[in-house]
């Protein structure tokens, strides 16, 4: 299975992450739980099996760390 373009293109990835993060904020998901929830939503959104790609979760965590540098609970 080829990796979706949205995971490789920084602009598309950022846009997708912003959309997903906004949904998680609206549903009051704590920031510490957002990377895991995001990975699930990315899989659904992109119809992509995240379990086959070990690079997705670290990519998601890094996005959150860059977006929220003062947050210590992002894992």
PDB file of N, CA and C in Angstrom:
ATOM      1  N   UNK A   1       0.854  -1.180   0.000  1.00  0.00           N
ATOM      2  CA  UNK A   1       0.000   0.000   0.000  1.00  0.00           C
ATOM      3  C   UNK A   1       0.894   1.236   0.000  1.00  0.00           C
ATOM      4  N   UNK A   2       0.665   2.132  -0.937  1.00  0.00           N
ATOM      5  CA  UNK A   2       1.432   3.368  -1.005  1.00  0.00           C
ATOM      6  C   UNK A   2       0.980   4.333   0.073  1.00  0.00           C
ATOM      7  N   UNK A   3       1.938   5.082   0.567  1.00  0.00           N
ATOM      8  CA  UNK A   3       1.657   6.093   1.590  1.00  0.00           C
ATOM      9  C   UNK A   3       0.873   7.241   0.949  1.00  0.00           C
ATOM     10  N   UNK A   4      -0.221   7.669   1.578  1.00  0.00           N
ATOM     11  CA  UNK A   4      -1.018   8.768   1.009  1.00  0.00           C
ATOM     12  C   UNK A   4      -0.199  10.049   0.879  1.00  0.00           C
ATOM     13  N   UNK A   5      -0.478  10.778  -0.171  1.00  0.00           N
ATOM     14  CA  UNK A   5       0.221  12.037  -0.452  1.00  0.00           C
ATOM     15  C   UNK A   5       0.132  13.005   0.733  1.00  0.00           C
ATOM     16  N   UNK A   6      -0.998  13.000   1.429  1.00  0.00           N
ATOM     17  CA  UNK A   6      -1.196  13.922   2.552  1.00  0.00           C
ATOM     18  C   UNK A   6      -0.179  13.706   3.675  1.00  0.00           C
ATOM     19  N   UNK A   7       0.383  12.510   3.762  1.00  0.00           N
ATOM     20  CA  UNK A   7       1.387  12.240   4.795  1.00  0.00           C
ATOM     21  C   UNK A   7       2.788  12.656   4.358  1.00  0.00           C
ATOM     22  N   UNK A   8       2.976  12.824   3.071  1.00  0.00           N
ATOM     23  CA  UNK A   8       4.288  13.187   2.535  1.00  0.00           C
ATOM     24  C   UNK A   8       4.425  14.665   2.216  1.00  0.00           C
ATOM     25  N   UNK A   9       3.348  15.310   1.895  1.00  0.00           N
ATOM     26  CA  UNK A   9       3.363  16.727   1.539  1.00  0.00           C
ATOM     27  C   UNK A   9       3.157  17.559   2.811  1.00  0.00           C
ATOM     28  N   UNK A  10       4.160  18.345   3.231  1.00  0.00           N
ATOM     29  CA  UNK A  10       4.043  19.095   4.490  1.00  0.00           C
ATOM     30  C   UNK A  10       2.826  20.022   4.559  1.00  0.00           C
ATOM     31  N   UNK A  11       2.478  20.665   3.462  1.00  0.00           N
ATOM     32  CA  UNK A  11       1.326  21.579   3.454  1.00  0.00           C
ATOM     33  C   UNK A  11       0.018  20.805   3.624  1.00  0.00           C
ATOM     34  N   UNK A  12      -0.127  19.728   2.876  1.00  0.00           N
ATOM     35  CA  UNK A  12      -1.345  18.915   2.975  1.00  0.00           C
ATOM     36  C   UNK A  12      -1.452  18.269   4.353  1.00  0.00           C
ATOM     37  N   UNK A  13      -0.315  17.813   4.874  1.00  0.00           N
ATOM     38  CA  UNK A  13      -0.313  17.206   6.207  1.00  0.00           C
ATOM     39  C   UNK A  13      -0.725  18.240   7.250  1.00  0.00           C
ATOM     40  N   UNK A  14      -0.164  19.430   7.164  1.00  0.00           N
ATOM     41  CA  UNK A  14      -0.503  20.488   8.110  1.00  0.00           C
ATOM     42  C   UNK A  14      -1.985  20.839   8.042  1.00  0.00           C
ATOM     43  N   UNK A  15      -2.516  20.976   6.856  1.00  0.00           N
ATOM     44  CA  UNK A  15      -3.944  21.280   6.696  1.00  0.00           C
ATOM     45  C   UNK A  15      -4.817  20.185   7.306  1.00  0.00           C
ATOM     46  N   UNK A  16      -4.468  18.948   7.033  1.00  0.00           N
ATOM     47  CA  UNK A  16      -5.230  17.815   7.564  1.00  0.00           C
ATOM     48  C   UNK A  16      -5.129  17.773   9.091  1.00  0.00           C
ATOM     49  N   UNK A  17      -3.943  18.000   9.609  1.00  0.00           N
ATOM     50  CA  UNK A  17      -3.745  18.008  11.058  1.00  0.00           C
ATOM     51  C   UNK A  17      -4.527  19.140  11.721  1.00  0.00           C
ATOM     52  N   UNK A  18      -4.553  20.298  11.110  1.00  0.00           N
ATOM     53  CA  UNK A  18      -5.326  21.421  11.656  1.00  0.00           C
ATOM     54  C   UNK A  18      -6.807  21.055  11.735  1.00  0.00           C
ATOM     55  N   UNK A  19      -7.315  20.441  10.691  1.00  0.00           N
ATOM     56  CA  UNK A  19      -8.719  20.041  10.661  1.00  0.00           C
ATOM     57  C   UNK A  19      -9.020  19.020  11.757  1.00  0.00           C
ATOM     58  N   UNK A  20      -8.176  18.019  11.860  1.00  0.00           N
ATOM     59  CA  UNK A  20      -8.392  16.979  12.868  1.00  0.00           C
ATOM     60  C   UNK A  20      -8.240  17.555  14.272  1.00  0.00           C
ATOM     61  N   UNK A  21      -7.211  18.366  14.497  1.00  0.00           N
ATOM     62  CA  UNK A  21      -7.020  18.967  15.812  1.00  0.00           C
ATOM     63  C   UNK A  21      -8.222  19.822  16.204  1.00  0.00           C
ATOM     64  N   UNK A  22      -8.782  20.551  15.265  1.00  0.00           N
ATOM     65  CA  UNK A  22      -9.959  21.373  15.551  1.00  0.00           C
ATOM     66  C   UNK A  22     -11.122  20.490  15.997  1.00  0.00           C
ATOM     67  N   UNK A  23     -11.323  19.367  15.331  1.00  0.00           N
ATOM     68  CA  UNK A  23     -12.390  18.437  15.744  1.00  0.00           C
ATOM     69  C   UNK A  23     -12.158  17.931  17.163  1.00  0.00           C
ATOM     70  N   UNK A  24     -10.904  17.621  17.475  1.00  0.00           N
ATOM     71  CA  UNK A  24     -10.583  17.104  18.804  1.00  0.00           C
ATOM     72  C   UNK A  24     -10.746  18.172  19.879  1.00  0.00           C
ATOM     73  N   UNK A  25     -10.433  19.409  19.548  1.00  0.00           N
ATOM     74  CA  UNK A  25     -10.630  20.514  20.491  1.00  0.00           C
ATOM     75  C   UNK A  25     -12.124  20.691  20.766  1.00  0.00           C
ATOM     76  N   UNK A  26     -12.910  20.669  19.720  1.00  0.00           N
ATOM     77  CA  UNK A  26     -14.363  20.849  19.859  1.00  0.00           C
ATOM     78  C   UNK A  26     -14.967  19.756  20.738  1.00  0.00           C
ATOM     79  N   UNK A  27     -14.428  18.552  20.648  1.00  0.00           N
ATOM     80  CA  UNK A  27     -14.966  17.455  21.459  1.00  0.00           C
ATOM     81  C   UNK A  27     -14.252  17.331  22.811  1.00  0.00           C
ATOM     82  N   UNK A  28     -13.429  18.313  23.135  1.00  0.00           N
ATOM     83  CA  UNK A  28     -12.747  18.415  24.438  1.00  0.00           C
ATOM     84  C   UNK A  28     -11.776  17.269  24.726  1.00  0.00           C
ATOM     85  N   UNK A  29     -11.100  16.790  23.712  1.00  0.00           N
ATOM     86  CA  UNK A  29     -10.075  15.767  23.914  1.00  0.00           C
ATOM     87  C   UNK A  29      -8.828  16.473  24.467  1.00  0.00           C
ATOM     88  N   UNK A  30      -8.304  16.016  25.609  1.00  0.00           N
ATOM     89  CA  UNK A  30      -7.103  16.653  26.168  1.00  0.00           C
ATOM     90  C   UNK A  30      -5.912  16.524  25.218  1.00  0.00           C
ATOM     91  N   UNK A  31      -5.049  17.499  25.254  1.00  0.00           N
ATOM     92  CA  UNK A  31      -3.908  17.515  24.330  1.00  0.00           C
ATOM     93  C   UNK A  31      -3.052  16.256  24.443  1.00  0.00           C
ATOM     94  N   UNK A  32      -2.917  15.713  25.638  1.00  0.00           N
ATOM     95  CA  UNK A  32      -2.076  14.525  25.813  1.00  0.00           C
ATOM     96  C   UNK A  32      -2.631  13.318  25.060  1.00  0.00           C
ATOM     97  N   UNK A  33      -3.934  13.302  24.769  1.00  0.00           N
ATOM     98  CA  UNK A  33      -4.568  12.183  24.072  1.00  0.00           C
ATOM     99  C   UNK A  33      -4.754  12.433  22.580  1.00  0.00           C
ATOM    100  N   UNK A  34      -4.498  13.633  22.147  1.00  0.00           N
ATOM    101  CA  UNK A  34      -4.763  13.975  20.743  1.00  0.00           C
ATOM    102  C   UNK A  34      -3.897  13.229  19.736  1.00  0.00           C
ATOM    103  N   UNK A  35      -2.589  13.015  19.982  1.00  0.00           N
ATOM    104  CA  UNK A  35      -1.824  12.292  18.963  1.00  0.00           C
ATOM    105  C   UNK A  35      -2.387  10.906  18.662  1.00  0.00           C
ATOM    106  N   UNK A  36      -2.757  10.175  19.689  1.00  0.00           N
ATOM    107  CA  UNK A  36      -3.310   8.836  19.470  1.00  0.00           C
ATOM    108  C   UNK A  36      -4.657   8.910  18.738  1.00  0.00           C
ATOM    109  N   UNK A  37      -5.510   9.817  19.175  1.00  0.00           N
ATOM    110  CA  UNK A  37      -6.806   9.986  18.509  1.00  0.00           C
ATOM    111  C   UNK A  37      -6.607  10.457  17.063  1.00  0.00           C
ATOM    112  N   UNK A  38      -5.629  11.333  16.857  1.00  0.00           N
ATOM    113  CA  UNK A  38      -5.349  11.838  15.517  1.00  0.00           C
ATOM    114  C   UNK A  38      -4.950  10.711  14.587  1.00  0.00           C
ATOM    115  N   UNK A  39      -4.122   9.803  15.073  1.00  0.00           N
ATOM    116  CA  UNK A  39      -3.690   8.695  14.239  1.00  0.00           C
ATOM    117  C   UNK A  39      -4.893   7.863  13.789  1.00  0.00           C
ATOM    118  N   UNK A  40      -5.822   7.646  14.678  1.00  0.00           N
ATOM    119  CA  UNK A  40      -7.038   6.897  14.333  1.00  0.00           C
ATOM    120  C   UNK A  40      -7.839   7.658  13.276  1.00  0.00           C
ATOM    121  N   UNK A  41      -8.016   8.955  13.484  1.00  0.00           N
ATOM    122  CA  UNK A  41      -8.785   9.762  12.535  1.00  0.00           C
ATOM    123  C   UNK A  41      -8.082   9.875  11.185  1.00  0.00           C
ATOM    124  N   UNK A  42      -6.758   9.970  11.205  1.00  0.00           N
ATOM    125  CA  UNK A  42      -6.018  10.000   9.934  1.00  0.00           C
ATOM    126  C   UNK A  42      -6.255   8.717   9.144  1.00  0.00           C
ATOM    127  N   UNK A  43      -6.206   7.590   9.835  1.00  0.00           N
ATOM    128  CA  UNK A  43      -6.461   6.319   9.169  1.00  0.00           C
ATOM    129  C   UNK A  43      -7.817   6.284   8.512  1.00  0.00           C
ATOM    130  N   UNK A  44      -8.823   6.785   9.227  1.00  0.00           N
ATOM    131  CA  UNK A  44     -10.180   6.828   8.667  1.00  0.00           C
ATOM    132  C   UNK A  44     -10.269   7.822   7.512  1.00  0.00           C
ATOM    133  N   UNK A  45      -9.714   8.998   7.717  1.00  0.00           N
ATOM    134  CA  UNK A  45      -9.791  10.071   6.722  1.00  0.00           C
ATOM    135  C   UNK A  45      -9.098   9.681   5.408  1.00  0.00           C
ATOM    136  N   UNK A  46      -7.955   9.029   5.534  1.00  0.00           N
ATOM    137  CA  UNK A  46      -7.155   8.701   4.353  1.00  0.00           C
ATOM    138  C   UNK A  46      -7.370   7.278   3.858  1.00  0.00           C
ATOM    139  N   UNK A  47      -8.222   6.515   4.557  1.00  0.00           N
ATOM    140  CA  UNK A  47      -8.434   5.106   4.231  1.00  0.00           C
ATOM    141  C   UNK A  47      -7.082   4.409   4.099  1.00  0.00           C
ATOM    142  N   UNK A  48      -6.306   4.518   5.180  1.00  0.00           N
ATOM    143  CA  UNK A  48      -4.932   4.037   5.204  1.00  0.00           C
ATOM    144  C   UNK A  48      -4.714   3.261   6.486  1.00  0.00           C
ATOM    145  N   UNK A  49      -4.094   2.112   6.384  1.00  0.00           N
ATOM    146  CA  UNK A  49      -3.839   1.276   7.553  1.00  0.00           C
ATOM    147  C   UNK A  49      -2.595   1.781   8.280  1.00  0.00           C
ATOM    148  N   UNK A  50      -2.815   2.552   9.328  1.00  0.00           N
ATOM    149  CA  UNK A  50      -1.720   3.154  10.078  1.00  0.00           C
ATOM    150  C   UNK A  50      -0.842   2.102  10.739  1.00  0.00           C
ATOM    151  N   UNK A  51      -1.383   0.949  11.035  1.00  0.00           N
ATOM    152  CA  UNK A  51      -0.607  -0.102  11.697  1.00  0.00           C
ATOM    153  C   UNK A  51       0.547  -0.582  10.820  1.00  0.00           C
ATOM    154  N   UNK A  52       0.445  -0.396   9.526  1.00  0.00           N
ATOM    155  CA  UNK A  52       1.497  -0.820   8.603  1.00  0.00           C
ATOM    156  C   UNK A  52       2.569   0.232   8.389  1.00  0.00           C
ATOM    157  N   UNK A  53       2.436   1.393   9.022  1.00  0.00           N
ATOM    158  CA  UNK A  53       3.380   2.501   8.804  1.00  0.00           C
ATOM    159  C   UNK A  53       3.836   3.055  10.153  1.00  0.00           C
ATOM    160  N   UNK A  54       4.991   2.609  10.592  1.00  0.00           N
ATOM    161  CA  UNK A  54       5.521   3.024  11.897  1.00  0.00           C
ATOM    162  C   UNK A  54       5.920   4.492  11.952  1.00  0.00           C
ATOM    163  N   UNK A  55       5.966   5.167  10.830  1.00  0.00           N
ATOM    164  CA  UNK A  55       6.409   6.557  10.815  1.00  0.00           C
ATOM    165  C   UNK A  55       5.287   7.565  11.063  1.00  0.00           C
ATOM    166  N   UNK A  56       4.044   7.122  11.055  1.00  0.00           N
ATOM    167  CA  UNK A  56       2.929   8.060  11.182  1.00  0.00           C
ATOM    168  C   UNK A  56       2.815   8.623  12.594  1.00  0.00           C
ATOM    169  N   UNK A  57       2.831   7.778  13.610  1.00  0.00           N
ATOM    170  CA  UNK A  57       2.664   8.285  14.981  1.00  0.00           C
ATOM    171  C   UNK A  57       3.767   9.280  15.361  1.00  0.00           C
ATOM    172  N   UNK A  58       5.048   8.976  15.102  1.00  0.00           N
ATOM    173  CA  UNK A  58       6.074   9.989  15.407  1.00  0.00           C
ATOM    174  C   UNK A  58       5.868  11.295  14.634  1.00  0.00           C
ATOM    175  N   UNK A  59       5.383  11.205  13.413  1.00  0.00           N
ATOM    176  CA  UNK A  59       5.106  12.397  12.609  1.00  0.00           C
ATOM    177  C   UNK A  59       3.995  13.220  13.256  1.00  0.00           C
ATOM    178  N   UNK A  60       2.965  12.554  13.749  1.00  0.00           N
ATOM    179  CA  UNK A  60       1.842  13.221  14.411  1.00  0.00           C
ATOM    180  C   UNK A  60       2.307  13.864  15.719  1.00  0.00           C
ATOM    181  N   UNK A  61       3.069  13.121  16.515  1.00  0.00           N
ATOM    182  CA  UNK A  61       3.564  13.651  17.786  1.00  0.00           C
ATOM    183  C   UNK A  61       4.435  14.882  17.535  1.00  0.00           C
ATOM    184  N   UNK A  62       5.289  14.814  16.540  1.00  0.00           N
ATOM    185  CA  UNK A  62       6.154  15.957  16.222  1.00  0.00           C
ATOM    186  C   UNK A  62       5.322  17.173  15.812  1.00  0.00           C
ATOM    187  N   UNK A  63       4.261  16.955  15.065  1.00  0.00           N
ATOM    188  CA  UNK A  63       3.392  18.069  14.674  1.00  0.00           C
ATOM    189  C   UNK A  63       2.821  18.741  15.924  1.00  0.00           C
ATOM    190  N   UNK A  64       2.331  17.955  16.869  1.00  0.00           N
ATOM    191  CA  UNK A  64       1.780  18.509  18.106  1.00  0.00           C
ATOM    192  C   UNK A  64       2.854  19.211  18.934  1.00  0.00           C
ATOM    193  N   UNK A  65       4.042  18.652  18.988  1.00  0.00           N
ATOM    194  CA  UNK A  65       5.130  19.295  19.755  1.00  0.00           C
ATOM    195  C   UNK A  65       5.523  20.633  19.143  1.00  0.00           C
ATOM    196  N   UNK A  66       5.517  20.707  17.832  1.00  0.00           N
ATOM    197  CA  UNK A  66       5.821  21.982  17.176  1.00  0.00           C
ATOM    198  C   UNK A  66       4.689  22.992  17.363  1.00  0.00           C
ATOM    199  N   UNK A  67       3.469  22.515  17.305  1.00  0.00           N
ATOM    200  CA  UNK A  67       2.300  23.392  17.416  1.00  0.00           C
ATOM    201  C   UNK A  67       2.091  23.886  18.851  1.00  0.00           C
ATOM    202  N   UNK A  68       2.420  23.036  19.823  1.00  0.00           N
ATOM    203  CA  UNK A  68       2.215  23.361  21.237  1.00  0.00           C
ATOM    204  C   UNK A  68       3.521  23.134  22.009  1.00  0.00           C
ATOM    205  N   UNK A  69       4.527  23.973  21.783  1.00  0.00           N
ATOM    206  CA  UNK A  69       5.849  23.733  22.370  1.00  0.00           C
ATOM    207  C   UNK A  69       5.887  23.776  23.904  1.00  0.00           C
ATOM    208  N   UNK A  70       4.960  24.445  24.527  1.00  0.00           N
ATOM    209  CA  UNK A  70       4.957  24.542  25.992  1.00  0.00           C
ATOM    210  C   UNK A  70       4.235  23.381  26.673  1.00  0.00           C
ATOM    211  N   UNK A  71       3.558  22.563  25.878  1.00  0.00           N
ATOM    212  CA  UNK A  71       2.801  21.444  26.437  1.00  0.00           C
ATOM    213  C   UNK A  71       3.751  20.285  26.747  1.00  0.00           C
ATOM    214  N   UNK A  72       3.770  19.836  27.970  1.00  0.00           N
ATOM    215  CA  UNK A  72       4.699  18.793  28.405  1.00  0.00           C
ATOM    216  C   UNK A  72       4.111  17.388  28.309  1.00  0.00           C
ATOM    217  N   UNK A  73       2.806  17.258  28.150  1.00  0.00           N
ATOM    218  CA  UNK A  73       2.152  15.945  28.203  1.00  0.00           C
ATOM    219  C   UNK A  73       1.922  15.295  26.853  1.00  0.00           C
ATOM    220  N   UNK A  74       2.502  15.828  25.809  1.00  0.00           N
ATOM    221  CA  UNK A  74       2.316  15.223  24.482  1.00  0.00           C
ATOM    222  C   UNK A  74       3.224  14.007  24.387  1.00  0.00           C
ATOM    223  N   UNK A  75       2.608  12.874  24.096  1.00  0.00           N
ATOM    224  CA  UNK A  75       3.393  11.635  24.021  1.00  0.00           C
ATOM    225  C   UNK A  75       3.064  10.839  22.790  1.00  0.00           C
TER     226      UNK A  75
END
